[in-house]
N, C-alpha and C. Protein backbone atom coordinates (compact mmCIF):
# COMPACT_ATOMS: atom_id res chain seq x y z
N MET A 1 22.26 -10.98 11.67
CA MET A 1 22.75 -9.73 11.09
C MET A 1 23.38 -8.90 12.19
N ASN A 2 24.54 -8.35 11.87
CA ASN A 2 25.15 -7.45 12.85
C ASN A 2 24.64 -6.02 12.61
N GLU A 3 25.05 -5.14 13.49
CA GLU A 3 24.53 -3.77 13.45
C GLU A 3 24.93 -3.04 12.16
N GLN A 4 26.14 -3.27 11.67
CA GLN A 4 26.57 -2.63 10.42
C GLN A 4 25.75 -3.12 9.23
N ASP A 5 25.45 -4.42 9.20
CA ASP A 5 24.62 -4.96 8.12
C ASP A 5 23.23 -4.34 8.16
N ILE A 6 22.71 -4.21 9.36
CA ILE A 6 21.38 -3.62 9.53
C ILE A 6 21.40 -2.17 9.05
N LYS A 7 22.43 -1.42 9.49
CA LYS A 7 22.53 -0.01 9.08
C LYS A 7 22.67 0.10 7.56
N ALA A 8 23.46 -0.76 6.95
CA ALA A 8 23.66 -0.73 5.51
C ALA A 8 22.35 -1.04 4.78
N ALA A 9 21.63 -2.03 5.28
CA ALA A 9 20.35 -2.38 4.66
C ALA A 9 19.34 -1.25 4.80
N VAL A 10 19.32 -0.63 5.97
CA VAL A 10 18.41 0.49 6.22
C VAL A 10 18.77 1.66 5.31
N GLU A 11 20.06 1.97 5.22
CA GLU A 11 20.51 3.06 4.34
C GLU A 11 20.10 2.78 2.89
N SER A 12 20.23 1.53 2.48
CA SER A 12 19.87 1.14 1.11
C SER A 12 18.39 1.40 0.85
N LYS A 13 17.54 0.97 1.78
CA LYS A 13 16.09 1.17 1.62
C LYS A 13 15.75 2.66 1.60
N ILE A 14 16.39 3.40 2.47
CA ILE A 14 16.12 4.84 2.55
C ILE A 14 16.62 5.53 1.27
N ASN A 15 17.76 5.12 0.77
CA ASN A 15 18.28 5.70 -0.48
C ASN A 15 17.35 5.40 -1.65
N GLU A 16 16.77 4.21 -1.67
CA GLU A 16 15.80 3.88 -2.71
C GLU A 16 14.61 4.85 -2.66
N ALA A 17 14.14 5.10 -1.45
CA ALA A 17 13.01 6.02 -1.29
C ALA A 17 13.40 7.43 -1.72
N LYS A 18 14.59 7.87 -1.34
CA LYS A 18 15.05 9.21 -1.73
C LYS A 18 15.18 9.31 -3.25
N ASP A 19 15.69 8.26 -3.87
CA ASP A 19 15.84 8.25 -5.34
C ASP A 19 14.48 8.38 -6.01
N LEU A 20 13.49 7.67 -5.49
CA LEU A 20 12.14 7.76 -6.07
C LEU A 20 11.59 9.18 -5.95
N PHE A 21 11.79 9.80 -4.80
CA PHE A 21 11.29 11.16 -4.62
C PHE A 21 12.06 12.14 -5.49
N SER A 22 13.33 11.89 -5.70
CA SER A 22 14.11 12.73 -6.60
C SER A 22 13.59 12.60 -8.02
N GLN A 23 13.30 11.37 -8.43
CA GLN A 23 12.74 11.14 -9.76
C GLN A 23 11.39 11.85 -9.89
N LEU A 24 10.60 11.79 -8.85
CA LEU A 24 9.29 12.44 -8.85
C LEU A 24 9.45 13.94 -9.09
N SER A 25 10.35 14.54 -8.37
CA SER A 25 10.57 15.98 -8.51
C SER A 25 11.01 16.33 -9.93
N ASP A 26 11.94 15.55 -10.48
CA ASP A 26 12.41 15.78 -11.85
C ASP A 26 11.29 15.60 -12.87
N GLU A 27 10.52 14.52 -12.72
CA GLU A 27 9.42 14.25 -13.65
C GLU A 27 8.38 15.36 -13.61
N ALA A 28 8.03 15.81 -12.43
CA ALA A 28 6.99 16.84 -12.28
C ALA A 28 7.40 18.13 -12.99
N LYS A 29 8.68 18.45 -12.94
CA LYS A 29 9.16 19.67 -13.59
C LYS A 29 9.09 19.55 -15.10
N GLN A 30 9.23 18.35 -15.63
CA GLN A 30 9.27 18.16 -17.08
C GLN A 30 7.87 18.03 -17.69
N LEU A 31 6.91 17.69 -16.92
CA LEU A 31 5.57 17.46 -17.47
C LEU A 31 4.78 18.76 -17.52
N GLY A 32 4.27 19.10 -18.67
CA GLY A 32 3.49 20.32 -18.81
C GLY A 32 2.00 20.04 -18.72
N ASP A 33 1.61 18.89 -19.07
CA ASP A 33 0.20 18.56 -19.08
C ASP A 33 -0.23 18.12 -17.69
N LYS A 34 -1.22 18.78 -17.14
CA LYS A 34 -1.64 18.53 -15.77
C LYS A 34 -2.09 17.09 -15.55
N ALA A 35 -2.86 16.55 -16.47
CA ALA A 35 -3.37 15.18 -16.29
C ALA A 35 -2.22 14.18 -16.27
N GLN A 36 -1.27 14.34 -17.19
CA GLN A 36 -0.12 13.44 -17.20
C GLN A 36 0.69 13.60 -15.93
N ALA A 37 0.86 14.85 -15.51
CA ALA A 37 1.64 15.11 -14.31
C ALA A 37 0.98 14.49 -13.08
N GLU A 38 -0.33 14.63 -13.00
CA GLU A 38 -1.03 14.05 -11.85
C GLU A 38 -0.96 12.53 -11.86
N ALA A 39 -1.06 11.94 -13.04
CA ALA A 39 -0.95 10.47 -13.13
C ALA A 39 0.44 10.02 -12.73
N LYS A 40 1.46 10.72 -13.23
CA LYS A 40 2.84 10.38 -12.86
C LYS A 40 3.04 10.61 -11.36
N LEU A 41 2.50 11.69 -10.87
CA LEU A 41 2.64 12.01 -9.45
C LEU A 41 2.02 10.90 -8.60
N ALA A 42 0.83 10.47 -8.98
CA ALA A 42 0.17 9.39 -8.23
C ALA A 42 0.99 8.10 -8.30
N GLN A 43 1.52 7.80 -9.48
CA GLN A 43 2.34 6.59 -9.64
C GLN A 43 3.60 6.66 -8.79
N PHE A 44 4.32 7.78 -8.89
CA PHE A 44 5.54 7.92 -8.11
C PHE A 44 5.25 7.96 -6.61
N LYS A 45 4.15 8.61 -6.27
CA LYS A 45 3.79 8.69 -4.86
C LYS A 45 3.52 7.28 -4.32
N ALA A 46 2.79 6.48 -5.08
CA ALA A 46 2.49 5.11 -4.65
C ALA A 46 3.78 4.30 -4.53
N GLU A 47 4.65 4.44 -5.53
CA GLU A 47 5.93 3.71 -5.47
C GLU A 47 6.78 4.18 -4.30
N ALA A 48 6.82 5.50 -4.13
CA ALA A 48 7.62 6.05 -3.04
C ALA A 48 7.07 5.62 -1.68
N GLU A 49 5.75 5.64 -1.56
CA GLU A 49 5.14 5.21 -0.30
C GLU A 49 5.42 3.73 -0.05
N ALA A 50 5.39 2.94 -1.11
CA ALA A 50 5.69 1.51 -0.95
C ALA A 50 7.14 1.32 -0.48
N LYS A 51 8.07 2.07 -1.10
CA LYS A 51 9.48 1.98 -0.68
C LYS A 51 9.65 2.49 0.75
N LEU A 52 8.97 3.58 1.06
CA LEU A 52 9.05 4.10 2.43
C LEU A 52 8.49 3.09 3.43
N ASN A 53 7.39 2.45 3.06
CA ASN A 53 6.81 1.43 3.95
C ASN A 53 7.74 0.24 4.10
N GLU A 54 8.38 -0.16 3.00
CA GLU A 54 9.37 -1.23 3.10
C GLU A 54 10.49 -0.85 4.06
N ALA A 55 10.99 0.36 3.87
CA ALA A 55 12.07 0.82 4.74
C ALA A 55 11.60 0.90 6.20
N LYS A 56 10.41 1.40 6.39
CA LYS A 56 9.87 1.54 7.75
C LYS A 56 9.68 0.17 8.40
N ASN A 57 9.12 -0.78 7.64
CA ASN A 57 8.94 -2.13 8.17
C ASN A 57 10.27 -2.78 8.49
N PHE A 58 11.23 -2.60 7.60
CA PHE A 58 12.55 -3.18 7.82
C PHE A 58 13.18 -2.61 9.09
N ILE A 59 13.06 -1.30 9.22
CA ILE A 59 13.64 -0.64 10.40
C ILE A 59 12.99 -1.16 11.68
N SER A 60 11.67 -1.24 11.67
CA SER A 60 10.98 -1.68 12.89
C SER A 60 11.31 -3.13 13.22
N GLN A 61 11.55 -3.96 12.18
CA GLN A 61 11.90 -5.36 12.42
C GLN A 61 13.34 -5.49 12.92
N GLN A 62 14.23 -4.68 12.44
CA GLN A 62 15.65 -4.85 12.73
C GLN A 62 16.14 -4.00 13.89
N SER A 63 15.80 -2.72 13.88
CA SER A 63 16.40 -1.84 14.86
C SER A 63 15.74 -0.47 14.84
N ASP A 64 15.87 0.25 15.92
CA ASP A 64 15.36 1.62 15.98
C ASP A 64 16.47 2.64 15.69
N VAL A 65 17.62 2.16 15.26
CA VAL A 65 18.79 3.01 15.08
C VAL A 65 18.55 4.12 14.06
N ALA A 66 17.84 3.80 12.96
CA ALA A 66 17.71 4.75 11.88
C ALA A 66 16.43 5.57 11.93
N ASP A 67 15.65 5.47 12.99
CA ASP A 67 14.36 6.18 13.05
C ASP A 67 14.48 7.69 12.83
N ASP A 68 15.47 8.32 13.46
CA ASP A 68 15.60 9.77 13.32
C ASP A 68 15.90 10.18 11.88
N LYS A 69 16.83 9.50 11.25
CA LYS A 69 17.17 9.81 9.86
C LYS A 69 15.99 9.53 8.94
N PHE A 70 15.33 8.43 9.17
CA PHE A 70 14.18 8.09 8.34
C PHE A 70 13.11 9.18 8.44
N THR A 71 12.82 9.62 9.65
CA THR A 71 11.82 10.67 9.86
C THR A 71 12.22 11.95 9.12
N GLU A 72 13.47 12.30 9.20
CA GLU A 72 13.96 13.50 8.51
C GLU A 72 13.78 13.36 7.00
N TRP A 73 14.15 12.21 6.47
CA TRP A 73 14.02 12.00 5.02
C TRP A 73 12.55 11.91 4.60
N GLN A 74 11.74 11.34 5.47
CA GLN A 74 10.31 11.26 5.16
C GLN A 74 9.73 12.68 5.07
N LYS A 75 10.13 13.55 6.00
CA LYS A 75 9.66 14.94 5.95
C LYS A 75 10.14 15.62 4.67
N ASP A 76 11.42 15.37 4.31
CA ASP A 76 11.95 15.93 3.06
C ASP A 76 11.14 15.44 1.87
N ALA A 77 10.83 14.16 1.87
CA ALA A 77 10.06 13.58 0.76
C ALA A 77 8.67 14.20 0.69
N GLU A 78 8.04 14.39 1.83
CA GLU A 78 6.72 15.01 1.85
C GLU A 78 6.79 16.45 1.34
N THR A 79 7.85 17.15 1.71
CA THR A 79 8.04 18.51 1.22
C THR A 79 8.21 18.51 -0.29
N GLN A 80 9.00 17.55 -0.80
CA GLN A 80 9.18 17.45 -2.25
C GLN A 80 7.85 17.15 -2.94
N LEU A 81 7.04 16.30 -2.36
CA LEU A 81 5.74 16.00 -2.94
C LEU A 81 4.87 17.26 -3.00
N GLN A 82 4.87 18.02 -1.91
CA GLN A 82 4.09 19.25 -1.87
C GLN A 82 4.59 20.24 -2.93
N GLN A 83 5.93 20.33 -3.06
CA GLN A 83 6.49 21.23 -4.06
C GLN A 83 6.11 20.78 -5.47
N ALA A 84 6.13 19.48 -5.71
CA ALA A 84 5.76 18.96 -7.03
C ALA A 84 4.29 19.27 -7.32
N GLN A 85 3.42 19.08 -6.33
CA GLN A 85 2.00 19.37 -6.51
C GLN A 85 1.78 20.85 -6.77
N GLN A 86 2.52 21.69 -6.05
CA GLN A 86 2.40 23.13 -6.24
C GLN A 86 2.88 23.53 -7.63
N TYR A 87 3.97 22.91 -8.08
CA TYR A 87 4.49 23.18 -9.42
C TYR A 87 3.45 22.81 -10.48
N ILE A 88 2.85 21.65 -10.32
CA ILE A 88 1.84 21.19 -11.28
C ILE A 88 0.67 22.16 -11.31
N SER A 89 0.24 22.60 -10.15
CA SER A 89 -0.88 23.55 -10.07
C SER A 89 -0.51 24.86 -10.76
N THR A 90 0.70 25.34 -10.52
CA THR A 90 1.15 26.59 -11.14
C THR A 90 1.20 26.45 -12.65
N GLN A 91 1.75 25.33 -13.13
CA GLN A 91 1.82 25.10 -14.57
C GLN A 91 0.42 25.07 -15.18
N SER A 92 -0.50 24.43 -14.50
CA SER A 92 -1.87 24.33 -14.98
C SER A 92 -2.49 25.72 -15.11
N GLN A 93 -2.27 26.56 -14.11
CA GLN A 93 -2.82 27.91 -14.14
C GLN A 93 -2.20 28.71 -15.27
N GLU A 94 -0.89 28.55 -15.48
CA GLU A 94 -0.23 29.28 -16.56
C GLU A 94 -0.80 28.86 -17.92
N TRP A 95 -0.99 27.57 -18.12
CA TRP A 95 -1.55 27.10 -19.40
C TRP A 95 -2.98 27.57 -19.57
N GLU A 96 -3.73 27.60 -18.49
CA GLU A 96 -5.12 28.08 -18.57
C GLU A 96 -5.14 29.55 -18.99
N THR A 97 -4.24 30.34 -18.43
CA THR A 97 -4.15 31.76 -18.78
C THR A 97 -3.77 31.92 -20.25
N LYS A 98 -2.79 31.13 -20.71
CA LYS A 98 -2.39 31.19 -22.12
C LYS A 98 -3.56 30.81 -23.01
N PHE A 99 -4.26 29.75 -22.65
CA PHE A 99 -5.39 29.29 -23.46
C PHE A 99 -6.46 30.38 -23.54
N GLU A 100 -6.74 31.02 -22.41
CA GLU A 100 -7.75 32.09 -22.42
C GLU A 100 -7.32 33.22 -23.34
N GLY A 101 -6.01 33.55 -23.34
CA GLY A 101 -5.50 34.59 -24.23
C GLY A 101 -5.66 34.19 -25.69
N TRP A 102 -5.34 32.94 -25.99
CA TRP A 102 -5.48 32.45 -27.37
C TRP A 102 -6.94 32.48 -27.79
N LEU A 103 -7.82 32.09 -26.89
CA LEU A 103 -9.25 32.08 -27.19
C LEU A 103 -9.74 33.51 -27.47
N LYS A 104 -9.30 34.46 -26.67
CA LYS A 104 -9.69 35.85 -26.88
C LYS A 104 -9.18 36.35 -28.23
N ASP A 105 -7.93 36.02 -28.56
CA ASP A 105 -7.37 36.41 -29.86
C ASP A 105 -8.19 35.82 -31.00
N ALA A 106 -8.55 34.55 -30.85
CA ALA A 106 -9.33 33.88 -31.89
C ALA A 106 -10.69 34.56 -32.05
N GLU A 107 -11.33 34.92 -30.94
CA GLU A 107 -12.63 35.59 -31.01
C GLU A 107 -12.50 36.95 -31.71
N GLU A 108 -11.44 37.68 -31.38
CA GLU A 108 -11.23 38.98 -32.02
C GLU A 108 -11.00 38.80 -33.52
N ASN A 109 -10.22 37.79 -33.89
CA ASN A 109 -9.97 37.53 -35.31
C ASN A 109 -11.26 37.13 -36.04
N LEU A 110 -12.10 36.34 -35.37
CA LEU A 110 -13.39 35.96 -35.98
C LEU A 110 -14.27 37.19 -36.19
N GLU A 111 -14.25 38.11 -35.23
CA GLU A 111 -15.03 39.35 -35.39
C GLU A 111 -14.52 40.14 -36.60
N LYS A 112 -13.19 40.21 -36.74
CA LYS A 112 -12.61 40.93 -37.87
C LYS A 112 -13.02 40.27 -39.18
N VAL A 113 -12.98 38.95 -39.23
CA VAL A 113 -13.39 38.23 -40.44
C VAL A 113 -14.87 38.52 -40.73
N GLY A 114 -15.71 38.49 -39.69
CA GLY A 114 -17.13 38.77 -39.86
C GLY A 114 -17.36 40.18 -40.40
N ASP A 115 -16.64 41.15 -39.83
CA ASP A 115 -16.77 42.54 -40.30
C ASP A 115 -16.33 42.65 -41.76
N TYR A 116 -15.23 42.00 -42.08
CA TYR A 116 -14.73 42.04 -43.46
C TYR A 116 -15.74 41.42 -44.43
N LEU A 117 -16.30 40.27 -44.06
CA LEU A 117 -17.29 39.60 -44.92
C LEU A 117 -18.54 40.45 -45.08
N GLU A 118 -18.95 41.09 -44.00
CA GLU A 118 -20.13 41.96 -44.07
C GLU A 118 -19.87 43.14 -45.00
N GLU A 119 -18.67 43.71 -44.90
CA GLU A 119 -18.30 44.83 -45.76
C GLU A 119 -18.30 44.40 -47.23
N LYS A 120 -17.73 43.24 -47.50
CA LYS A 120 -17.69 42.75 -48.89
C LYS A 120 -19.10 42.42 -49.39
N ALA A 121 -19.94 41.88 -48.53
CA ALA A 121 -21.33 41.58 -48.92
C ALA A 121 -22.07 42.87 -49.28
N ASN A 122 -21.83 43.92 -48.51
CA ASN A 122 -22.46 45.21 -48.80
C ASN A 122 -21.95 45.77 -50.13
N GLU A 123 -20.67 45.60 -50.40
CA GLU A 123 -20.11 46.06 -51.67
C GLU A 123 -20.76 45.33 -52.84
N VAL A 124 -20.92 44.00 -52.70
CA VAL A 124 -21.55 43.21 -53.76
C VAL A 124 -23.00 43.64 -53.92
N LYS A 125 -23.70 43.84 -52.82
CA LYS A 125 -25.10 44.27 -52.85
C LYS A 125 -25.23 45.62 -53.56
N ASN A 126 -24.36 46.55 -53.21
CA ASN A 126 -24.39 47.87 -53.85
C ASN A 126 -24.08 47.77 -55.33
N ALA A 127 -23.11 46.92 -55.66
CA ALA A 127 -22.75 46.74 -57.07
C ALA A 127 -23.93 46.17 -57.84
N LEU A 128 -24.63 45.20 -57.25
CA LEU A 128 -25.81 44.61 -57.91
C LEU A 128 -26.92 45.63 -58.04
N ASN A 129 -27.15 46.42 -57.00
CA ASN A 129 -28.17 47.47 -57.05
C ASN A 129 -27.87 48.49 -58.15
N ASN A 130 -26.60 48.86 -58.25
CA ASN A 130 -26.20 49.82 -59.29
C ASN A 130 -26.34 49.22 -60.68
N LEU A 131 -26.12 47.93 -60.78
CA LEU A 131 -26.20 47.24 -62.05
C LEU A 131 -27.64 47.17 -62.57
N PHE A 132 -28.58 47.01 -61.65
CA PHE A 132 -29.98 46.85 -62.05
C PHE A 132 -30.77 48.14 -61.97
N LYS A 133 -30.20 49.26 -61.77
CA LYS A 133 -30.91 50.54 -61.72
C LYS A 133 -31.22 51.06 -63.06
């Protein structure tokens, strides 16, 4: 293999890794459910790490020419992973807050229903008392 072939092969492996991390970022933004997001994140992370390891092994076997670029892209990928994890955490907190609000509303509505039923029971009781007097 000549140097251009090596560089092309290295670029190809690195582009594959970048594409996986790009997909990860896009997927994380679309997933609202934390469990699904974490599962997808773990899957993409494993795939991305495998591609990165392939690229790293290839580079070490062929040449040190692309080490600087690879390191830069690896840092970018790690940053994207951190951003995806942070996004998932934020989404989870937002849903938890919404759920707590819904739960509070439901509790208030149940109290209103209970008060209404108690009022109607008292009306029936009074009506029966008046009927039998």
